[in-house]
Amino acid sequence: MLIRSDEVKRGVQTLFAKANEEAAQMFESEKARLYQQLKLEGIMASPLNICITCDSEKAGPVVLGRTHDKAMDLYSTVCAVQNLMLAARAEGVGTGWVSIFDKAELKKLLNLPEHVTPVAYLCLGYVDFFYQKPELESVGWRKRLAVEEQVMFDRWDNQESDNEENQALLDELIRRSESE
């Protein structure tokens, strides 16, 4: 759903402002101060807002790929969002994913049917610059997690690379993450 109307954007921004205030109260003092300094939306500033939705009824009751995991349509939609964001970045267009709002209220504002899920609310437009690192890392919200603590081999609790091939793969992942 393409959203260009200032009236609709103001409605979404109102939903964001309410939820953002609620969220700010959830953090301890220092984090709360930092949270309130973050730019978490560009709803009115961006020329185009997009609400990407998932209609689980569109393809019928039995869908290839969803026979055993009904959420696959949502996962596919999220992948499409990421592809859109990567393509936009390649073209010099900034995207922001606004997630701080009451989803039920957003559905009501946008008149979405009950079975349609809003997956992503994006703000798109040209930006002055792109961060070299993820913005939340750059401003000190959270440090990047160490790759070697996130990769496991064959089982959930196995972080030991017990062969040279696994170790080489892990070393390459670490090298790439450190060069970013």
N, C-alpha and C. Protein backbone atom coordinates (compact mmCIF):
# COMPACT_ATOMS: atom_id res chain seq x y z
N MET A 1 0.85 -1.16 0.00
CA MET A 1 0.00 0.00 0.00
C MET A 1 0.90 1.23 0.00
N LEU A 2 0.78 2.08 -1.03
CA LEU A 2 1.55 3.31 -1.10
C LEU A 2 0.80 4.40 -0.35
N ILE A 3 1.51 5.10 0.50
CA ILE A 3 0.88 6.13 1.31
C ILE A 3 1.56 7.46 1.02
N ARG A 4 0.80 8.35 0.40
CA ARG A 4 1.32 9.66 0.05
C ARG A 4 0.52 10.79 0.70
N SER A 5 -0.67 10.48 1.16
CA SER A 5 -1.55 11.47 1.77
C SER A 5 -0.99 11.97 3.10
N ASP A 6 -0.86 13.28 3.23
CA ASP A 6 -0.39 13.85 4.50
C ASP A 6 -1.34 13.52 5.64
N GLU A 7 -2.62 13.43 5.34
CA GLU A 7 -3.61 13.11 6.38
C GLU A 7 -3.35 11.71 6.94
N VAL A 8 -3.13 10.75 6.07
CA VAL A 8 -2.88 9.38 6.52
C VAL A 8 -1.53 9.32 7.24
N LYS A 9 -0.52 10.00 6.67
CA LYS A 9 0.79 10.02 7.32
C LYS A 9 0.70 10.61 8.73
N ARG A 10 -0.07 11.69 8.89
CA ARG A 10 -0.23 12.28 10.22
C ARG A 10 -0.88 11.29 11.18
N GLY A 11 -1.83 10.53 10.68
CA GLY A 11 -2.46 9.51 11.52
C GLY A 11 -1.45 8.46 11.96
N VAL A 12 -0.59 8.02 11.05
CA VAL A 12 0.44 7.04 11.39
C VAL A 12 1.43 7.66 12.36
N GLN A 13 1.79 8.92 12.13
CA GLN A 13 2.74 9.57 13.04
C GLN A 13 2.16 9.72 14.44
N THR A 14 0.88 9.96 14.53
CA THR A 14 0.22 10.02 15.84
C THR A 14 0.30 8.66 16.54
N LEU A 15 0.07 7.59 15.80
CA LEU A 15 0.19 6.25 16.37
C LEU A 15 1.63 6.01 16.85
N PHE A 16 2.59 6.41 16.03
CA PHE A 16 4.00 6.26 16.39
C PHE A 16 4.30 7.05 17.67
N ALA A 17 3.88 8.31 17.73
CA ALA A 17 4.20 9.17 18.87
C ALA A 17 3.67 8.57 20.18
N LYS A 18 2.46 8.04 20.14
CA LYS A 18 1.88 7.42 21.34
C LYS A 18 2.70 6.20 21.77
N ALA A 19 2.99 5.31 20.82
CA ALA A 19 3.74 4.10 21.15
C ALA A 19 5.19 4.43 21.53
N ASN A 20 5.75 5.44 20.90
CA ASN A 20 7.13 5.85 21.20
C ASN A 20 7.24 6.35 22.64
N GLU A 21 6.26 7.09 23.09
CA GLU A 21 6.25 7.57 24.47
C GLU A 21 6.14 6.39 25.43
N GLU A 22 5.29 5.44 25.10
CA GLU A 22 5.17 4.23 25.93
C GLU A 22 6.50 3.47 25.97
N ALA A 23 7.14 3.34 24.82
CA ALA A 23 8.40 2.60 24.74
C ALA A 23 9.49 3.30 25.55
N ALA A 24 9.54 4.61 25.51
CA ALA A 24 10.57 5.36 26.23
C ALA A 24 10.50 5.07 27.73
N GLN A 25 9.29 4.81 28.24
CA GLN A 25 9.12 4.53 29.66
C GLN A 25 9.65 3.14 30.06
N MET A 26 9.92 2.29 29.07
CA MET A 26 10.34 0.92 29.36
C MET A 26 11.83 0.81 29.64
N PHE A 27 12.61 1.85 29.33
CA PHE A 27 14.06 1.78 29.48
C PHE A 27 14.51 2.49 30.76
N GLU A 28 15.62 2.00 31.30
CA GLU A 28 16.22 2.63 32.48
C GLU A 28 16.76 4.01 32.10
N SER A 29 17.10 4.81 33.07
CA SER A 29 17.42 6.23 32.90
C SER A 29 18.37 6.56 31.74
N GLU A 30 19.58 5.98 31.74
CA GLU A 30 20.55 6.32 30.69
C GLU A 30 20.07 5.86 29.32
N LYS A 31 19.55 4.66 29.24
CA LYS A 31 19.01 4.16 27.97
C LYS A 31 17.80 4.99 27.54
N ALA A 32 16.99 5.40 28.49
CA ALA A 32 15.81 6.22 28.16
C ALA A 32 16.23 7.55 27.54
N ARG A 33 17.28 8.17 28.10
CA ARG A 33 17.77 9.44 27.53
C ARG A 33 18.28 9.22 26.10
N LEU A 34 19.04 8.16 25.90
CA LEU A 34 19.56 7.88 24.56
C LEU A 34 18.41 7.54 23.62
N TYR A 35 17.46 6.77 24.08
CA TYR A 35 16.30 6.39 23.26
C TYR A 35 15.59 7.64 22.74
N GLN A 36 15.40 8.61 23.61
CA GLN A 36 14.66 9.82 23.22
C GLN A 36 15.44 10.68 22.22
N GLN A 37 16.72 10.43 22.06
CA GLN A 37 17.53 11.18 21.09
C GLN A 37 17.57 10.51 19.72
N LEU A 38 17.16 9.25 19.65
CA LEU A 38 17.22 8.52 18.39
C LEU A 38 16.16 9.00 17.41
N LYS A 39 16.51 9.05 16.14
CA LYS A 39 15.54 9.34 15.09
C LYS A 39 14.96 8.01 14.66
N LEU A 40 13.74 7.75 15.06
CA LEU A 40 13.13 6.44 14.84
C LEU A 40 12.04 6.45 13.77
N GLU A 41 11.80 7.58 13.16
CA GLU A 41 10.81 7.64 12.10
C GLU A 41 11.05 8.86 11.22
N GLY A 42 10.57 8.75 9.99
CA GLY A 42 10.62 9.86 9.04
C GLY A 42 9.31 9.93 8.29
N ILE A 43 8.23 9.70 9.00
CA ILE A 43 6.91 9.54 8.38
C ILE A 43 6.51 10.77 7.57
N MET A 44 6.58 11.94 8.16
CA MET A 44 6.17 13.15 7.44
C MET A 44 7.26 13.67 6.51
N ALA A 45 8.52 13.42 6.85
CA ALA A 45 9.62 13.95 6.06
C ALA A 45 9.84 13.19 4.75
N SER A 46 9.50 11.92 4.72
CA SER A 46 9.75 11.14 3.51
C SER A 46 8.60 11.33 2.51
N PRO A 47 8.95 11.41 1.24
CA PRO A 47 7.91 11.63 0.23
C PRO A 47 6.99 10.43 0.03
N LEU A 48 7.48 9.24 0.38
CA LEU A 48 6.66 8.05 0.18
C LEU A 48 6.76 7.15 1.39
N ASN A 49 5.61 6.74 1.87
CA ASN A 49 5.53 5.71 2.91
C ASN A 49 4.89 4.50 2.25
N ILE A 50 5.35 3.33 2.64
CA ILE A 50 4.79 2.09 2.11
C ILE A 50 4.45 1.18 3.29
N CYS A 51 3.24 0.68 3.29
CA CYS A 51 2.86 -0.34 4.26
C CYS A 51 2.80 -1.65 3.48
N ILE A 52 3.75 -2.52 3.76
CA ILE A 52 3.82 -3.81 3.10
C ILE A 52 3.03 -4.80 3.94
N THR A 53 2.11 -5.48 3.30
CA THR A 53 1.20 -6.36 4.01
C THR A 53 1.32 -7.80 3.51
N CYS A 54 0.74 -8.70 4.26
CA CYS A 54 0.67 -10.11 3.88
C CYS A 54 -0.78 -10.55 3.98
N ASP A 55 -1.32 -11.00 2.87
CA ASP A 55 -2.69 -11.49 2.81
C ASP A 55 -2.63 -13.01 2.74
N SER A 56 -2.81 -13.66 3.87
CA SER A 56 -2.69 -15.11 3.95
C SER A 56 -3.80 -15.86 3.22
N GLU A 57 -4.85 -15.18 2.83
CA GLU A 57 -5.95 -15.84 2.13
C GLU A 57 -5.86 -15.70 0.62
N LYS A 58 -4.94 -14.88 0.14
CA LYS A 58 -4.89 -14.57 -1.29
C LYS A 58 -4.67 -15.79 -2.18
N ALA A 59 -3.84 -16.72 -1.76
CA ALA A 59 -3.49 -17.86 -2.62
C ALA A 59 -4.33 -19.10 -2.36
N GLY A 60 -5.30 -19.02 -1.49
CA GLY A 60 -6.16 -20.17 -1.24
C GLY A 60 -5.79 -20.90 0.04
N PRO A 61 -6.54 -21.97 0.35
CA PRO A 61 -6.35 -22.66 1.63
C PRO A 61 -5.09 -23.53 1.71
N VAL A 62 -4.65 -24.08 0.58
CA VAL A 62 -3.45 -24.92 0.58
C VAL A 62 -2.46 -24.30 -0.40
N VAL A 63 -1.30 -23.93 0.12
CA VAL A 63 -0.30 -23.22 -0.68
C VAL A 63 1.02 -23.96 -0.59
N LEU A 64 1.64 -24.18 -1.73
CA LEU A 64 2.94 -24.81 -1.78
C LEU A 64 3.92 -24.01 -0.93
N GLY A 65 4.60 -24.69 -0.03
CA GLY A 65 5.54 -24.02 0.87
C GLY A 65 4.95 -23.70 2.23
N ARG A 66 3.61 -23.71 2.32
CA ARG A 66 2.95 -23.42 3.60
C ARG A 66 2.19 -24.62 4.13
N THR A 67 2.42 -25.79 3.58
CA THR A 67 1.66 -26.96 4.02
C THR A 67 1.98 -27.36 5.46
N HIS A 68 3.22 -27.09 5.90
CA HIS A 68 3.61 -27.48 7.25
C HIS A 68 4.01 -26.30 8.13
N ASP A 69 4.18 -25.16 7.52
CA ASP A 69 4.52 -23.95 8.29
C ASP A 69 3.71 -22.79 7.72
N LYS A 70 2.62 -22.51 8.39
CA LYS A 70 1.68 -21.49 7.91
C LYS A 70 2.27 -20.09 7.89
N ALA A 71 3.38 -19.87 8.59
CA ALA A 71 4.00 -18.54 8.67
C ALA A 71 4.94 -18.25 7.50
N MET A 72 5.12 -19.20 6.59
CA MET A 72 6.08 -19.00 5.50
C MET A 72 5.73 -17.79 4.64
N ASP A 73 4.45 -17.48 4.50
CA ASP A 73 4.09 -16.30 3.72
C ASP A 73 4.60 -15.03 4.40
N LEU A 74 4.55 -15.00 5.72
CA LEU A 74 5.10 -13.85 6.44
C LEU A 74 6.61 -13.75 6.26
N TYR A 75 7.29 -14.90 6.34
CA TYR A 75 8.75 -14.90 6.16
C TYR A 75 9.12 -14.44 4.76
N SER A 76 8.37 -14.90 3.76
CA SER A 76 8.63 -14.48 2.39
C SER A 76 8.41 -12.99 2.22
N THR A 77 7.41 -12.46 2.90
CA THR A 77 7.14 -11.03 2.82
C THR A 77 8.29 -10.24 3.44
N VAL A 78 8.81 -10.72 4.56
CA VAL A 78 9.95 -10.05 5.20
C VAL A 78 11.16 -10.07 4.27
N CYS A 79 11.38 -11.19 3.58
CA CYS A 79 12.49 -11.25 2.62
C CYS A 79 12.29 -10.23 1.50
N ALA A 80 11.07 -10.07 1.04
CA ALA A 80 10.78 -9.09 0.00
C ALA A 80 11.07 -7.67 0.52
N VAL A 81 10.75 -7.41 1.78
CA VAL A 81 11.06 -6.11 2.38
C VAL A 81 12.56 -5.87 2.36
N GLN A 82 13.32 -6.87 2.78
CA GLN A 82 14.78 -6.71 2.78
C GLN A 82 15.29 -6.46 1.36
N ASN A 83 14.78 -7.18 0.39
CA ASN A 83 15.20 -6.96 -1.00
C ASN A 83 14.89 -5.55 -1.45
N LEU A 84 13.71 -5.04 -1.09
CA LEU A 84 13.35 -3.67 -1.43
C LEU A 84 14.33 -2.68 -0.79
N MET A 85 14.66 -2.92 0.48
CA MET A 85 15.57 -2.02 1.18
C MET A 85 16.97 -2.05 0.56
N LEU A 86 17.44 -3.23 0.19
CA LEU A 86 18.76 -3.34 -0.45
C LEU A 86 18.77 -2.67 -1.82
N ALA A 87 17.71 -2.87 -2.59
CA ALA A 87 17.62 -2.23 -3.91
C ALA A 87 17.55 -0.71 -3.77
N ALA A 88 16.79 -0.23 -2.80
CA ALA A 88 16.71 1.21 -2.58
C ALA A 88 18.08 1.78 -2.23
N ARG A 89 18.77 1.11 -1.34
CA ARG A 89 20.12 1.56 -0.94
C ARG A 89 21.05 1.63 -2.15
N ALA A 90 20.98 0.62 -3.02
CA ALA A 90 21.83 0.60 -4.22
C ALA A 90 21.53 1.78 -5.13
N GLU A 91 20.32 2.29 -5.06
CA GLU A 91 19.92 3.44 -5.89
C GLU A 91 20.05 4.77 -5.14
N GLY A 92 20.60 4.73 -3.93
CA GLY A 92 20.79 5.96 -3.15
C GLY A 92 19.55 6.45 -2.44
N VAL A 93 18.58 5.57 -2.28
CA VAL A 93 17.33 5.93 -1.59
C VAL A 93 17.39 5.35 -0.18
N GLY A 94 17.12 6.18 0.80
CA GLY A 94 17.09 5.73 2.18
C GLY A 94 15.76 5.10 2.51
N THR A 95 15.80 4.10 3.38
CA THR A 95 14.56 3.48 3.87
C THR A 95 14.64 3.38 5.38
N GLY A 96 13.54 3.64 6.00
CA GLY A 96 13.44 3.46 7.44
C GLY A 96 12.24 2.57 7.73
N TRP A 97 12.42 1.60 8.60
CA TRP A 97 11.36 0.67 8.96
C TRP A 97 10.79 1.12 10.29
N VAL A 98 9.59 1.65 10.28
CA VAL A 98 8.92 2.12 11.49
C VAL A 98 8.15 0.94 12.08
N SER A 99 8.51 0.57 13.29
CA SER A 99 7.85 -0.59 13.92
C SER A 99 7.22 -0.24 15.26
N ILE A 100 7.34 1.01 15.65
CA ILE A 100 6.86 1.40 16.98
C ILE A 100 5.47 2.03 16.83
N PHE A 101 4.47 1.16 16.88
CA PHE A 101 3.08 1.58 16.89
C PHE A 101 2.23 0.36 17.22
N ASP A 102 1.00 0.60 17.58
CA ASP A 102 0.06 -0.48 17.86
C ASP A 102 -0.45 -1.01 16.52
N LYS A 103 -0.14 -2.26 16.22
CA LYS A 103 -0.47 -2.86 14.93
C LYS A 103 -1.98 -2.85 14.67
N ALA A 104 -2.77 -3.11 15.70
CA ALA A 104 -4.23 -3.12 15.53
C ALA A 104 -4.74 -1.73 15.16
N GLU A 105 -4.16 -0.72 15.77
CA GLU A 105 -4.54 0.66 15.45
C GLU A 105 -4.12 1.03 14.03
N LEU A 106 -2.96 0.57 13.60
CA LEU A 106 -2.52 0.82 12.23
C LEU A 106 -3.48 0.15 11.24
N LYS A 107 -3.86 -1.09 11.53
CA LYS A 107 -4.81 -1.79 10.66
C LYS A 107 -6.12 -1.01 10.54
N LYS A 108 -6.58 -0.48 11.66
CA LYS A 108 -7.83 0.29 11.66
C LYS A 108 -7.66 1.58 10.84
N LEU A 109 -6.56 2.28 11.05
CA LEU A 109 -6.31 3.53 10.33
C LEU A 109 -6.24 3.30 8.82
N LEU A 110 -5.59 2.21 8.41
CA LEU A 110 -5.42 1.93 6.98
C LEU A 110 -6.56 1.09 6.40
N ASN A 111 -7.54 0.77 7.24
CA ASN A 111 -8.72 0.01 6.81
C ASN A 111 -8.33 -1.35 6.23
N LEU A 112 -7.37 -2.01 6.88
CA LEU A 112 -6.94 -3.33 6.43
C LEU A 112 -7.94 -4.39 6.89
N PRO A 113 -8.27 -5.34 6.02
CA PRO A 113 -9.15 -6.43 6.43
C PRO A 113 -8.51 -7.23 7.57
N GLU A 114 -9.34 -7.92 8.32
CA GLU A 114 -8.88 -8.68 9.49
C GLU A 114 -7.77 -9.67 9.15
N HIS A 115 -7.87 -10.34 8.01
CA HIS A 115 -6.91 -11.39 7.65
C HIS A 115 -5.61 -10.85 7.03
N VAL A 116 -5.51 -9.56 6.85
CA VAL A 116 -4.31 -8.95 6.27
C VAL A 116 -3.42 -8.44 7.39
N THR A 117 -2.14 -8.82 7.36
CA THR A 117 -1.18 -8.44 8.39
C THR A 117 -0.25 -7.35 7.88
N PRO A 118 -0.16 -6.23 8.59
CA PRO A 118 0.87 -5.25 8.22
C PRO A 118 2.23 -5.79 8.67
N VAL A 119 3.12 -5.98 7.72
CA VAL A 119 4.43 -6.57 8.01
C VAL A 119 5.48 -5.49 8.22
N ALA A 120 5.48 -4.48 7.36
CA ALA A 120 6.49 -3.43 7.45
C ALA A 120 5.89 -2.10 7.05
N TYR A 121 6.20 -1.08 7.83
CA TYR A 121 5.84 0.29 7.46
C TYR A 121 7.15 1.00 7.16
N LEU A 122 7.35 1.35 5.90
CA LEU A 122 8.62 1.92 5.45
C LEU A 122 8.46 3.38 5.04
N CYS A 123 9.48 4.16 5.34
CA CYS A 123 9.58 5.54 4.88
C CYS A 123 10.73 5.58 3.87
N LEU A 124 10.46 6.08 2.68
CA LEU A 124 11.47 6.10 1.62
C LEU A 124 11.72 7.52 1.14
N GLY A 125 12.98 7.80 0.85
CA GLY A 125 13.34 9.09 0.27
C GLY A 125 14.84 9.22 0.17
N TYR A 126 15.28 10.22 -0.56
CA TYR A 126 16.72 10.46 -0.67
C TYR A 126 17.22 11.04 0.66
N VAL A 127 18.41 10.62 1.05
CA VAL A 127 18.99 11.05 2.31
C VAL A 127 20.32 11.75 2.05
N ASP A 128 20.78 12.51 3.04
CA ASP A 128 22.04 13.24 2.91
C ASP A 128 23.25 12.32 3.00
N PHE A 129 23.14 11.24 3.76
CA PHE A 129 24.26 10.32 3.91
C PHE A 129 23.74 8.98 4.42
N PHE A 130 24.59 7.96 4.29
CA PHE A 130 24.32 6.64 4.86
C PHE A 130 25.37 6.38 5.93
N TYR A 131 24.97 5.79 7.02
CA TYR A 131 25.91 5.40 8.07
C TYR A 131 26.85 4.33 7.55
N GLN A 132 28.09 4.38 8.00
CA GLN A 132 29.06 3.35 7.63
C GLN A 132 28.84 2.06 8.41
N LYS A 133 28.34 2.19 9.63
CA LYS A 133 27.97 1.06 10.47
C LYS A 133 26.48 1.18 10.73
N PRO A 134 25.85 0.12 11.23
CA PRO A 134 24.44 0.25 11.61
C PRO A 134 24.26 1.43 12.58
N GLU A 135 23.22 2.21 12.35
CA GLU A 135 23.02 3.44 13.12
C GLU A 135 22.98 3.20 14.62
N LEU A 136 22.29 2.17 15.07
CA LEU A 136 22.19 1.93 16.50
C LEU A 136 23.54 1.58 17.12
N GLU A 137 24.40 0.96 16.35
CA GLU A 137 25.76 0.70 16.82
C GLU A 137 26.54 2.01 16.87
N SER A 138 26.38 2.84 15.84
CA SER A 138 27.11 4.11 15.76
C SER A 138 26.80 5.05 16.91
N VAL A 139 25.55 5.06 17.37
CA VAL A 139 25.16 5.97 18.44
C VAL A 139 25.33 5.37 19.83
N GLY A 140 25.81 4.13 19.89
CA GLY A 140 26.08 3.51 21.18
C GLY A 140 24.91 2.81 21.83
N TRP A 141 23.86 2.52 21.05
CA TRP A 141 22.72 1.82 21.62
C TRP A 141 23.08 0.38 21.98
N ARG A 142 23.74 -0.28 21.04
CA ARG A 142 24.12 -1.68 21.26
C ARG A 142 25.33 -2.02 20.41
N LYS A 143 26.24 -2.76 21.01
CA LYS A 143 27.42 -3.21 20.27
C LYS A 143 27.05 -4.38 19.38
N ARG A 144 27.79 -4.51 18.31
CA ARG A 144 27.61 -5.65 17.41
C ARG A 144 27.98 -6.94 18.15
N LEU A 145 27.21 -7.96 17.95
CA LEU A 145 27.48 -9.25 18.58
C LEU A 145 28.64 -9.94 17.87
N ALA A 146 29.48 -10.61 18.62
CA ALA A 146 30.63 -11.30 18.05
C ALA A 146 30.15 -12.50 17.22
N VAL A 147 30.66 -12.58 16.00
CA VAL A 147 30.26 -13.65 15.09
C VAL A 147 30.51 -15.02 15.71
N GLU A 148 31.67 -15.18 16.32
CA GLU A 148 32.02 -16.50 16.86
C GLU A 148 31.08 -16.94 17.99
N GLU A 149 30.36 -16.02 18.57
CA GLU A 149 29.39 -16.38 19.60
C GLU A 149 28.01 -16.67 19.02
N GLN A 150 27.83 -16.42 17.73
CA GLN A 150 26.53 -16.60 17.09
C GLN A 150 26.47 -17.83 16.20
N VAL A 151 27.63 -18.32 15.77
CA VAL A 151 27.69 -19.45 14.85
C VAL A 151 27.81 -20.75 15.62
N MET A 152 26.97 -21.69 15.28
CA MET A 152 27.03 -23.01 15.89
C MET A 152 27.16 -24.04 14.78
N PHE A 153 27.73 -25.18 15.12
CA PHE A 153 27.96 -26.22 14.13
C PHE A 153 27.10 -27.45 14.44
N ASP A 154 26.20 -27.74 13.55
CA ASP A 154 25.39 -28.96 13.54
C ASP A 154 24.36 -29.08 14.66
N ARG A 155 24.59 -28.52 15.82
CA ARG A 155 23.64 -28.57 16.94
C ARG A 155 23.63 -27.21 17.63
N TRP A 156 22.51 -26.88 18.28
CA TRP A 156 22.34 -25.57 18.89
C TRP A 156 23.47 -25.22 19.87
N ASP A 157 23.89 -26.15 20.66
CA ASP A 157 24.85 -25.85 21.72
C ASP A 157 26.29 -26.15 21.33
N ASN A 158 26.58 -26.22 20.05
CA ASN A 158 27.93 -26.56 19.62
C ASN A 158 28.58 -25.38 18.89
N GLN A 159 29.42 -24.65 19.63
CA GLN A 159 30.17 -23.56 19.03
C GLN A 159 31.61 -23.95 18.74
N GLU A 160 31.94 -25.17 19.02
CA GLU A 160 33.29 -25.66 18.78
C GLU A 160 33.44 -26.06 17.31
N SER A 161 34.45 -25.50 16.66
CA SER A 161 34.71 -25.91 15.29
C SER A 161 35.73 -27.05 15.35
N ASP A 162 35.22 -28.26 15.27
CA ASP A 162 36.06 -29.43 15.50
C ASP A 162 36.78 -29.94 14.26
N ASN A 163 36.72 -29.18 13.17
CA ASN A 163 37.51 -29.57 12.00
C ASN A 163 38.02 -28.32 11.28
N GLU A 164 38.97 -28.50 10.42
CA GLU A 164 39.63 -27.38 9.74
C GLU A 164 38.67 -26.62 8.83
N GLU A 165 37.75 -27.33 8.18
CA GLU A 165 36.80 -26.67 7.28
C GLU A 165 35.88 -25.72 8.06
N ASN A 166 35.35 -26.18 9.19
CA ASN A 166 34.51 -25.33 10.03
C ASN A 166 35.31 -24.13 10.55
N GLN A 167 36.52 -24.36 10.98
CA GLN A 167 37.35 -23.26 11.49
C GLN A 167 37.66 -22.25 10.39
N ALA A 168 37.92 -22.72 9.19
CA ALA A 168 38.20 -21.81 8.07
C ALA A 168 36.96 -20.96 7.76
N LEU A 169 35.79 -21.57 7.79
CA LEU A 169 34.55 -20.84 7.56
C LEU A 169 34.34 -19.79 8.65
N LEU A 170 34.51 -20.17 9.88
CA LEU A 170 34.36 -19.25 11.00
C LEU A 170 35.36 -18.11 10.90
N ASP A 171 36.61 -18.40 10.59
CA ASP A 171 37.63 -17.36 10.43
C ASP A 171 37.25 -16.37 9.34
N GLU A 172 36.69 -16.87 8.24
CA GLU A 172 36.27 -16.00 7.13
C GLU A 172 35.10 -15.11 7.55
N LEU A 173 34.15 -15.66 8.28
CA LEU A 173 33.02 -14.87 8.76
C LEU A 173 33.50 -13.77 9.71
N ILE A 174 34.42 -14.10 10.58
CA ILE A 174 34.97 -13.11 11.52
C ILE A 174 35.71 -12.03 10.74
N ARG A 175 36.53 -12.42 9.77
CA ARG A 175 37.29 -11.45 8.98
C ARG A 175 36.34 -10.48 8.26
N ARG A 176 35.28 -11.01 7.67
CA ARG A 176 34.34 -10.16 6.95
C ARG A 176 33.59 -9.23 7.90
N SER A 177 33.23 -9.72 9.05
CA SER A 177 32.48 -8.87 9.99
C SER A 177 33.36 -7.74 10.54
N GLU A 178 34.64 -8.02 10.70
CA GLU A 178 35.55 -7.00 11.21
C GLU A 178 35.89 -5.96 10.18
N SER A 179 35.76 -6.29 8.88
CA SER A 179 36.08 -5.34 7.82
C SER A 179 34.90 -4.42 7.50
N GLU A 180 33.74 -4.70 8.06
CA GLU A 180 32.56 -3.86 7.79
C GLU A 180 32.58 -2.59 8.60
